[in-house]
Amino acid sequence: RGPGRKRLFTEIAAGQIGRRAPGGRITEYPLP
């Protein structure tokens, strides 16, 4: 759980991090 009650998660095979907002919106951050 990150700030503002957002969930952070790893996407191991995809090489990125995701953030899920309380309303369900998911933002993904690709790693270099």
PDB file of all heavy atoms in Angstrom:
ATOM      1  N   ARG A   1       0.850  -1.180   0.000  1.00  0.00           N
ATOM      2  CA  ARG A   1       0.000   0.000   0.000  1.00  0.00           C
ATOM      3  C   ARG A   1       0.889   1.234   0.000  1.00  0.00           C
ATOM      4  O   ARG A   1       1.760   1.385   0.829  1.00  0.00           O
ATOM      5  CB  ARG A   1      -0.916   0.022   1.216  1.00  0.00           C
ATOM      6  CG  ARG A   1      -1.968   1.122   1.111  1.00  0.00           C
ATOM      7  CD  ARG A   1      -2.979   1.054   2.237  1.00  0.00           C
ATOM      8  NE  ARG A   1      -3.650  -0.209   2.362  1.00  0.00           N
ATOM      9  CZ  ARG A   1      -4.690  -0.626   1.648  1.00  0.00           C
ATOM     10  NH1 ARG A   1      -5.164   0.136   0.701  1.00  0.00           N
ATOM     11  NH2 ARG A   1      -5.245  -1.791   1.863  1.00  0.00           N
ATOM     12  N   GLY A   2       0.673   2.112  -0.961  1.00  0.00           N
ATOM     13  CA  GLY A   2       1.431   3.343  -1.077  1.00  0.00           C
ATOM     14  C   GLY A   2       0.658   4.509  -0.506  1.00  0.00           C
ATOM     15  O   GLY A   2      -0.392   4.350   0.098  1.00  0.00           O
ATOM     16  N   PRO A   3       1.174   5.726  -0.716  1.00  0.00           N
ATOM     17  CA  PRO A   3       0.488   6.904  -0.190  1.00  0.00           C
ATOM     18  C   PRO A   3      -0.885   7.075  -0.830  1.00  0.00           C
ATOM     19  O   PRO A   3      -1.111   6.700  -1.971  1.00  0.00           O
ATOM     20  CB  PRO A   3       1.428   8.054  -0.567  1.00  0.00           C
ATOM     21  CG  PRO A   3       2.389   7.501  -1.538  1.00  0.00           C
ATOM     22  CD  PRO A   3       2.368   6.021  -1.437  1.00  0.00           C
ATOM     23  N   GLY A   4      -1.807   7.644  -0.068  1.00  0.00           N
ATOM     24  CA  GLY A   4      -3.147   7.886  -0.600  1.00  0.00           C
ATOM     25  C   GLY A   4      -3.937   6.612  -0.827  1.00  0.00           C
ATOM     26  O   GLY A   4      -4.821   6.564  -1.664  1.00  0.00           O
ATOM     27  N   ARG A   5      -3.611   5.544  -0.087  1.00  0.00           N
ATOM     28  CA  ARG A   5      -4.305   4.253  -0.177  1.00  0.00           C
ATOM     29  C   ARG A   5      -4.191   3.614  -1.555  1.00  0.00           C
ATOM     30  O   ARG A   5      -5.034   2.847  -1.969  1.00  0.00           O
ATOM     31  CB  ARG A   5      -5.757   4.388   0.263  1.00  0.00           C
ATOM     32  CG  ARG A   5      -5.898   4.853   1.698  1.00  0.00           C
ATOM     33  CD  ARG A   5      -7.306   4.798   2.209  1.00  0.00           C
ATOM     34  NE  ARG A   5      -8.002   3.567   1.933  1.00  0.00           N
ATOM     35  CZ  ARG A   5      -7.924   2.440   2.658  1.00  0.00           C
ATOM     36  NH1 ARG A   5      -7.153   2.395   3.689  1.00  0.00           N
ATOM     37  NH2 ARG A   5      -8.630   1.378   2.333  1.00  0.00           N
ATOM     38  N   LYS A   6      -3.150   3.943  -2.290  1.00  0.00           N
ATOM     39  CA  LYS A   6      -2.913   3.316  -3.585  1.00  0.00           C
ATOM     40  C   LYS A   6      -2.091   2.052  -3.370  1.00  0.00           C
ATOM     41  O   LYS A   6      -1.225   2.008  -2.516  1.00  0.00           O
ATOM     42  CB  LYS A   6      -2.162   4.273  -4.510  1.00  0.00           C
ATOM     43  CG  LYS A   6      -2.973   5.514  -4.833  1.00  0.00           C
ATOM     44  CD  LYS A   6      -2.168   6.470  -5.660  1.00  0.00           C
ATOM     45  CE  LYS A   6      -2.990   7.720  -5.935  1.00  0.00           C
ATOM     46  NZ  LYS A   6      -2.201   8.747  -6.578  1.00  0.00           N
ATOM     47  N   ARG A   7      -2.383   1.032  -4.139  1.00  0.00           N
ATOM     48  CA  ARG A   7      -1.636  -0.218  -4.070  1.00  0.00           C
ATOM     49  C   ARG A   7      -0.535  -0.203  -5.117  1.00  0.00           C
ATOM     50  O   ARG A   7      -0.780   0.103  -6.278  1.00  0.00           O
ATOM     51  CB  ARG A   7      -2.546  -1.408  -4.365  1.00  0.00           C
ATOM     52  CG  ARG A   7      -3.433  -1.770  -3.246  1.00  0.00           C
ATOM     53  CD  ARG A   7      -2.703  -2.698  -2.327  1.00  0.00           C
ATOM     54  NE  ARG A   7      -3.606  -3.089  -1.262  1.00  0.00           N
ATOM     55  CZ  ARG A   7      -3.191  -3.616  -0.146  1.00  0.00           C
ATOM     56  NH1 ARG A   7      -1.927  -3.837   0.046  1.00  0.00           N
ATOM     57  NH2 ARG A   7      -4.040  -3.933   0.785  1.00  0.00           N
ATOM     58  N   LEU A   8       0.671  -0.542  -4.697  1.00  0.00           N
ATOM     59  CA  LEU A   8       1.791  -0.696  -5.611  1.00  0.00           C
ATOM     60  C   LEU A   8       2.047  -2.179  -5.785  1.00  0.00           C
ATOM     61  O   LEU A   8       1.945  -2.943  -4.825  1.00  0.00           O
ATOM     62  CB  LEU A   8       3.035  -0.018  -5.040  1.00  0.00           C
ATOM     63  CG  LEU A   8       2.904   1.479  -4.784  1.00  0.00           C
ATOM     64  CD1 LEU A   8       4.067   1.974  -3.947  1.00  0.00           C
ATOM     65  CD2 LEU A   8       2.840   2.217  -6.101  1.00  0.00           C
ATOM     66  N   PHE A   9       2.382  -2.600  -6.989  1.00  0.00           N
ATOM     67  CA  PHE A   9       2.672  -4.008  -7.214  1.00  0.00           C
ATOM     68  C   PHE A   9       3.712  -4.158  -8.302  1.00  0.00           C
ATOM     69  O   PHE A   9       3.885  -3.290  -9.146  1.00  0.00           O
ATOM     70  CB  PHE A   9       1.399  -4.802  -7.553  1.00  0.00           C
ATOM     71  CG  PHE A   9       0.634  -4.264  -8.736  1.00  0.00           C
ATOM     72  CD1 PHE A   9       0.877  -4.748 -10.015  1.00  0.00           C
ATOM     73  CD2 PHE A   9      -0.330  -3.294  -8.567  1.00  0.00           C
ATOM     74  CE1 PHE A   9       0.169  -4.262 -11.106  1.00  0.00           C
ATOM     75  CE2 PHE A   9      -1.052  -2.803  -9.646  1.00  0.00           C
ATOM     76  CZ  PHE A   9      -0.794  -3.288 -10.919  1.00  0.00           C
ATOM     77  N   THR A  10       4.443  -5.271  -8.251  1.00  0.00           N
ATOM     78  CA  THR A  10       5.441  -5.557  -9.277  1.00  0.00           C
ATOM     79  C   THR A  10       4.821  -6.461 -10.335  1.00  0.00           C
ATOM     80  O   THR A  10       3.986  -7.307 -10.029  1.00  0.00           O
ATOM     81  CB  THR A  10       6.679  -6.254  -8.685  1.00  0.00           C
ATOM     82  OG1 THR A  10       6.294  -7.499  -8.111  1.00  0.00           O
ATOM     83  CG2 THR A  10       7.359  -5.386  -7.640  1.00  0.00           C
ATOM     84  N   GLU A  11       5.229  -6.239 -11.557  1.00  0.00           N
ATOM     85  CA  GLU A  11       4.874  -7.121 -12.657  1.00  0.00           C
ATOM     86  C   GLU A  11       6.192  -7.735 -13.126  1.00  0.00           C
ATOM     87  O   GLU A  11       6.878  -7.194 -13.985  1.00  0.00           O
ATOM     88  CB  GLU A  11       4.170  -6.348 -13.766  1.00  0.00           C
ATOM     89  CG  GLU A  11       2.807  -5.837 -13.330  1.00  0.00           C
ATOM     90  CD  GLU A  11       2.085  -5.124 -14.441  1.00  0.00           C
ATOM     91  OE1 GLU A  11       1.422  -5.805 -15.248  1.00  0.00           O
ATOM     92  OE2 GLU A  11       2.205  -3.888 -14.501  1.00  0.00           O
ATOM     93  N   ILE A  12       6.540  -8.843 -12.489  1.00  0.00           N
ATOM     94  CA  ILE A  12       7.860  -9.439 -12.630  1.00  0.00           C
ATOM     95  C   ILE A  12       8.200  -9.726 -14.087  1.00  0.00           C
ATOM     96  O   ILE A  12       9.231  -9.295 -14.592  1.00  0.00           O
ATOM     97  CB  ILE A  12       7.966 -10.714 -11.763  1.00  0.00           C
ATOM     98  CG1 ILE A  12       7.822 -10.332 -10.289  1.00  0.00           C
ATOM     99  CG2 ILE A  12       9.290 -11.429 -12.011  1.00  0.00           C
ATOM    100  CD1 ILE A  12       7.658 -11.513  -9.354  1.00  0.00           C
ATOM    101  N   ALA A  13       7.365 -10.456 -14.789  1.00  0.00           N
ATOM    102  CA  ALA A  13       7.661 -10.847 -16.169  1.00  0.00           C
ATOM    103  C   ALA A  13       7.588  -9.670 -17.142  1.00  0.00           C
ATOM    104  O   ALA A  13       8.253  -9.665 -18.174  1.00  0.00           O
ATOM    105  CB  ALA A  13       6.717 -11.952 -16.624  1.00  0.00           C
ATOM    106  N   ALA A  14       6.803  -8.651 -16.815  1.00  0.00           N
ATOM    107  CA  ALA A  14       6.647  -7.501 -17.706  1.00  0.00           C
ATOM    108  C   ALA A  14       7.711  -6.431 -17.460  1.00  0.00           C
ATOM    109  O   ALA A  14       7.854  -5.515 -18.266  1.00  0.00           O
ATOM    110  CB  ALA A  14       5.261  -6.882 -17.533  1.00  0.00           C
ATOM    111  N   GLY A  15       8.438  -6.523 -16.353  1.00  0.00           N
ATOM    112  CA  GLY A  15       9.465  -5.540 -16.061  1.00  0.00           C
ATOM    113  C   GLY A  15       8.909  -4.166 -15.765  1.00  0.00           C
ATOM    114  O   GLY A  15       9.437  -3.156 -16.230  1.00  0.00           O
ATOM    115  N   GLN A  16       7.850  -4.126 -14.965  1.00  0.00           N
ATOM    116  CA  GLN A  16       7.270  -2.833 -14.622  1.00  0.00           C
ATOM    117  C   GLN A  16       6.613  -2.883 -13.253  1.00  0.00           C
ATOM    118  O   GLN A  16       6.406  -3.944 -12.682  1.00  0.00           O
ATOM    119  CB  GLN A  16       6.290  -2.363 -15.678  1.00  0.00           C
ATOM    120  CG  GLN A  16       5.153  -3.282 -15.987  1.00  0.00           C
ATOM    121  CD  GLN A  16       4.403  -2.846 -17.243  1.00  0.00           C
ATOM    122  OE1 GLN A  16       4.891  -2.085 -18.063  1.00  0.00           O
ATOM    123  NE2 GLN A  16       3.196  -3.336 -17.380  1.00  0.00           N
ATOM    124  N   ILE A  17       6.300  -1.673 -12.764  1.00  0.00           N
ATOM    125  CA  ILE A  17       5.624  -1.502 -11.489  1.00  0.00           C
ATOM    126  C   ILE A  17       4.249  -0.935 -11.783  1.00  0.00           C
ATOM    127  O   ILE A  17       4.085  -0.108 -12.676  1.00  0.00           O
ATOM    128  CB  ILE A  17       6.404  -0.525 -10.583  1.00  0.00           C
ATOM    129  CG1 ILE A  17       7.846  -1.015 -10.367  1.00  0.00           C
ATOM    130  CG2 ILE A  17       5.698  -0.320  -9.249  1.00  0.00           C
ATOM    131  CD1 ILE A  17       7.964  -2.380  -9.738  1.00  0.00           C
ATOM    132  N   GLY A  18       3.261  -1.378 -11.039  1.00  0.00           N
ATOM    133  CA  GLY A  18       1.912  -0.864 -11.218  1.00  0.00           C
ATOM    134  C   GLY A  18       1.422  -0.173  -9.971  1.00  0.00           C
ATOM    135  O   GLY A  18       1.879  -0.462  -8.863  1.00  0.00           O
ATOM    136  N   ARG A  19       0.494   0.749 -10.162  1.00  0.00           N
ATOM    137  CA  ARG A  19      -0.142   1.444  -9.046  1.00  0.00           C
ATOM    138  C   ARG A  19      -1.644   1.395  -9.283  1.00  0.00           C
ATOM    139  O   ARG A  19      -2.134   1.782 -10.332  1.00  0.00           O
ATOM    140  CB  ARG A  19       0.327   2.894  -8.984  1.00  0.00           C
ATOM    141  CG  ARG A  19      -0.313   3.651  -7.825  1.00  0.00           C
ATOM    142  CD  ARG A  19       0.109   5.094  -7.788  1.00  0.00           C
ATOM    143  NE  ARG A  19       1.529   5.175  -7.499  1.00  0.00           N
ATOM    144  CZ  ARG A  19       2.287   6.215  -7.814  1.00  0.00           C
ATOM    145  NH1 ARG A  19       1.781   7.257  -8.433  1.00  0.00           N
ATOM    146  NH2 ARG A  19       3.552   6.221  -7.517  1.00  0.00           N
ATOM    147  N   ARG A  20      -2.376   0.899  -8.288  1.00  0.00           N
ATOM    148  CA  ARG A  20      -3.835   0.816  -8.382  1.00  0.00           C
ATOM    149  C   ARG A  20      -4.440   1.824  -7.426  1.00  0.00           C
ATOM    150  O   ARG A  20      -4.217   1.774  -6.219  1.00  0.00           O
ATOM    151  CB  ARG A  20      -4.318  -0.586  -8.029  1.00  0.00           C
ATOM    152  CG  ARG A  20      -5.816  -0.744  -8.150  1.00  0.00           C
ATOM    153  CD  ARG A  20      -6.219  -2.164  -7.755  1.00  0.00           C
ATOM    154  NE  ARG A  20      -7.640  -2.281  -7.669  1.00  0.00           N
ATOM    155  CZ  ARG A  20      -8.374  -1.977  -6.597  1.00  0.00           C
ATOM    156  NH1 ARG A  20      -7.790  -1.526  -5.511  1.00  0.00           N
ATOM    157  NH2 ARG A  20      -9.669  -2.123  -6.609  1.00  0.00           N
ATOM    158  N   ALA A  21      -5.197   2.762  -7.968  1.00  0.00           N
ATOM    159  CA  ALA A  21      -5.867   3.783  -7.163  1.00  0.00           C
ATOM    160  C   ALA A  21      -7.092   3.174  -6.487  1.00  0.00           C
ATOM    161  O   ALA A  21      -7.601   2.135  -6.934  1.00  0.00           O
ATOM    162  CB  ALA A  21      -6.270   4.958  -8.050  1.00  0.00           C
ATOM    163  N   PRO A  22      -7.607   3.784  -5.424  1.00  0.00           N
ATOM    164  CA  PRO A  22      -8.778   3.242  -4.723  1.00  0.00           C
ATOM    165  C   PRO A  22      -9.978   2.969  -5.640  1.00  0.00           C
ATOM    166  O   PRO A  22     -10.715   2.022  -5.430  1.00  0.00           O
ATOM    167  CB  PRO A  22      -9.104   4.310  -3.680  1.00  0.00           C
ATOM    168  CG  PRO A  22      -7.806   4.981  -3.419  1.00  0.00           C
ATOM    169  CD  PRO A  22      -7.080   4.978  -4.742  1.00  0.00           C
ATOM    170  N   GLY A  23     -10.158   3.751  -6.674  1.00  0.00           N
ATOM    171  CA  GLY A  23     -11.274   3.539  -7.598  1.00  0.00           C
ATOM    172  C   GLY A  23     -11.038   2.436  -8.607  1.00  0.00           C
ATOM    173  O   GLY A  23     -11.917   2.102  -9.392  1.00  0.00           O
ATOM    174  N   GLY A  24      -9.847   1.843  -8.595  1.00  0.00           N
ATOM    175  CA  GLY A  24      -9.543   0.730  -9.487  1.00  0.00           C
ATOM    176  C   GLY A  24      -8.674   1.084 -10.678  1.00  0.00           C
ATOM    177  O   GLY A  24      -8.225   0.203 -11.399  1.00  0.00           O
ATOM    178  N   ARG A  25      -8.399   2.360 -10.919  1.00  0.00           N
ATOM    179  CA  ARG A  25      -7.575   2.758 -12.053  1.00  0.00           C
ATOM    180  C   ARG A  25      -6.147   2.292 -11.828  1.00  0.00           C
ATOM    181  O   ARG A  25      -5.573   2.481 -10.757  1.00  0.00           O
ATOM    182  CB  ARG A  25      -7.596   4.278 -12.218  1.00  0.00           C
ATOM    183  CG  ARG A  25      -6.763   4.744 -13.379  1.00  0.00           C
ATOM    184  CD  ARG A  25      -6.966   6.229 -13.646  1.00  0.00           C
ATOM    185  NE  ARG A  25      -6.119   6.619 -14.748  1.00  0.00           N
ATOM    186  CZ  ARG A  25      -5.175   7.530 -14.672  1.00  0.00           C
ATOM    187  NH1 ARG A  25      -4.999   8.193 -13.542  1.00  0.00           N
ATOM    188  NH2 ARG A  25      -4.436   7.822 -15.703  1.00  0.00           N
ATOM    189  N   ILE A  26      -5.572   1.655 -12.853  1.00  0.00           N
ATOM    190  CA  ILE A  26      -4.215   1.138 -12.766  1.00  0.00           C
ATOM    191  C   ILE A  26      -3.301   1.953 -13.671  1.00  0.00           C
ATOM    192  O   ILE A  26      -3.607   2.180 -14.840  1.00  0.00           O
ATOM    193  CB  ILE A  26      -4.160  -0.351 -13.133  1.00  0.00           C
ATOM    194  CG1 ILE A  26      -4.901  -1.148 -12.056  1.00  0.00           C
ATOM    195  CG2 ILE A  26      -2.728  -0.832 -13.294  1.00  0.00           C
ATOM    196  CD1 ILE A  26      -4.977  -2.615 -12.297  1.00  0.00           C
ATOM    197  N   THR A  27      -2.168   2.390 -13.109  1.00  0.00           N
ATOM    198  CA  THR A  27      -1.121   3.060 -13.856  1.00  0.00           C
ATOM    199  C   THR A  27       0.111   2.171 -13.792  1.00  0.00           C
ATOM    200  O   THR A  27       0.462   1.682 -12.715  1.00  0.00           O
ATOM    201  CB  THR A  27      -0.802   4.441 -13.240  1.00  0.00           C
ATOM    202  OG1 THR A  27      -2.006   5.204 -13.163  1.00  0.00           O
ATOM    203  CG2 THR A  27       0.222   5.184 -14.070  1.00  0.00           C
ATOM    204  N   GLU A  28       0.748   1.960 -14.933  1.00  0.00           N
ATOM    205  CA  GLU A  28       1.931   1.109 -14.972  1.00  0.00           C
ATOM    206  C   GLU A  28       3.156   1.942 -15.337  1.00  0.00           C
ATOM    207  O   GLU A  28       3.074   2.846 -16.161  1.00  0.00           O
ATOM    208  CB  GLU A  28       1.723  -0.020 -15.972  1.00  0.00           C
ATOM    209  CG  GLU A  28       0.610  -0.957 -15.534  1.00  0.00           C
ATOM    210  CD  GLU A  28       0.260  -1.983 -16.579  1.00  0.00           C
ATOM    211  OE1 GLU A  28       0.036  -1.595 -17.746  1.00  0.00           O
ATOM    212  OE2 GLU A  28       0.207  -3.169 -16.228  1.00  0.00           O
ATOM    213  N   TYR A  29       4.289   1.595 -14.707  1.00  0.00           N
ATOM    214  CA  TYR A  29       5.552   2.292 -14.906  1.00  0.00           C
ATOM    215  C   TYR A  29       6.582   1.305 -15.427  1.00  0.00           C
ATOM    216  O   TYR A  29       7.138   0.519 -14.667  1.00  0.00           O
ATOM    217  CB  TYR A  29       6.040   2.914 -13.592  1.00  0.00           C
ATOM    218  CG  TYR A  29       5.031   3.855 -12.990  1.00  0.00           C
ATOM    219  CD1 TYR A  29       4.149   3.419 -12.012  1.00  0.00           C
ATOM    220  CD2 TYR A  29       4.954   5.174 -13.423  1.00  0.00           C
ATOM    221  CE1 TYR A  29       3.218   4.289 -11.462  1.00  0.00           C
ATOM    222  CE2 TYR A  29       4.013   6.040 -12.882  1.00  0.00           C
ATOM    223  CZ  TYR A  29       3.159   5.598 -11.911  1.00  0.00           C
ATOM    224  OH  TYR A  29       2.222   6.446 -11.385  1.00  0.00           O
ATOM    225  N   PRO A  30       6.867   1.320 -16.730  1.00  0.00           N
ATOM    226  CA  PRO A  30       7.891   0.421 -17.276  1.00  0.00           C
ATOM    227  C   PRO A  30       9.270   0.789 -16.732  1.00  0.00           C
ATOM    228  O   PRO A  30       9.602   1.971 -16.600  1.00  0.00           O
ATOM    229  CB  PRO A  30       7.822   0.676 -18.784  1.00  0.00           C
ATOM    230  CG  PRO A  30       6.544   1.392 -19.024  1.00  0.00           C
ATOM    231  CD  PRO A  30       6.220   2.119 -17.749  1.00  0.00           C
ATOM    232  N   LEU A  31      10.057  -0.220 -16.411  1.00  0.00           N
ATOM    233  CA  LEU A  31      11.424   0.007 -15.955  1.00  0.00           C
ATOM    234  C   LEU A  31      12.339   0.180 -17.161  1.00  0.00           C
ATOM    235  O   LEU A  31      12.038  -0.327 -18.255  1.00  0.00           O
ATOM    236  CB  LEU A  31      11.883  -1.165 -15.093  1.00  0.00           C
ATOM    237  CG  LEU A  31      11.047  -1.380 -13.826  1.00  0.00           C
ATOM    238  CD1 LEU A  31      11.512  -2.617 -13.089  1.00  0.00           C
ATOM    239  CD2 LEU A  31      11.107  -0.156 -12.927  1.00  0.00           C
ATOM    240  N   PRO A  32      13.472   0.883 -17.006  1.00  0.00           N
ATOM    241  CA  PRO A  32      14.381   1.079 -18.133  1.00  0.00           C
ATOM    242  C   PRO A  32      14.857  -0.240 -18.758  1.00  0.00           C
ATOM    243  O   PRO A  32      15.014  -0.338 -19.962  1.00  0.00           O
ATOM    244  CB  PRO A  32      15.550   1.853 -17.530  1.00  0.00           C
ATOM    245  CG  PRO A  32      14.984   2.538 -16.326  1.00  0.00           C
ATOM    246  CD  PRO A  32      13.906   1.607 -15.818  1.00  0.00           C
TER     247      PRO A  32
END
